[in-house]
Amino acid sequence: MDTDESAVLRRTPGPGGVQDSSGPGPDIVDTLAYPISPDYVKSWTAVRGLCELIANALDEDLQARVGWADGVLTIADDGPGIPEEGLILGYSSKTTQQIGQFGEGKKLAMLILARSPQIGAVRCDTVGYGFTPTVQPHRLLGGLIPSRSAQGTEVLVYHLFRTDRTRGTTITVACPQQLAAEAIGRFRALTEPGYTPPGIPRGLRARREARPGLDRRRARQHRPQLPGLLRPATD
């Protein structure tokens, strides 16, 4: 796999688009690749991917911090970090009180965000390591294997690097303010200070509210109004 730094950073030019990433990237020491059909979870939107990452953070830390500034959405928690098993398909350490017990949501979110032309560089820093996801087209054995669709496969690649972190996970996503606002606005736990649903763990309720079936009017009603959480809309 190509682990050149240029493959790690993705940019989308144009007015109102994703901010350009600058500065040197991390020193990539390993890669982890998942071959995936180009049609897999094709119905997922970038907002749904962002919601999945936010919900994961709330599952780990009820005081998770989520905010957008200077073209970048930052999702940070003080949880135990993502263990090696968290990178393996079919393994999860989630409890029965948490949604997504197979642990695939984060991987799917990374796939969707790496695919999306609305999203720029994505980076995850966690305990002991970090990664940047990219999606690369691929034909097995250079196309020598017969294919019914002739579209080949996509490969979700985690470009791994080392960190000195001892706790917590921070995910940064270069994206337009509108996408960040829509994702954050689906979580009452983030938009209503002190909000705790009766009888339901906060992280669990937050994830349920972020599902695609969320009532649109309720989502708009709970858009962020907290100072400093998101910049006021300019359009």
Foldseek 3Di string as FASTA:
>chain_A
DDPPQVQQWFDFDDPLAFDHDDDDDFDFDDKDKDWAAPCPPVVDALLLLVLLVQLVQCQFAVPWAWADDPQKIKTKHFGQWQDPQLVDQQDAPDDPQAPPRSNCSNVVSLVNQQPDSQWIWKKKDTAFKIWTKHKDFDAVVRVPDDDPVPRGIIMIMTRMHTDHDRGMMMMMIRGGLVSSQLNQLQFLSNAPPPDDDPPGGRSRVRSVSNDPPHDPVSSVVRGHPDPPRYDDDDD
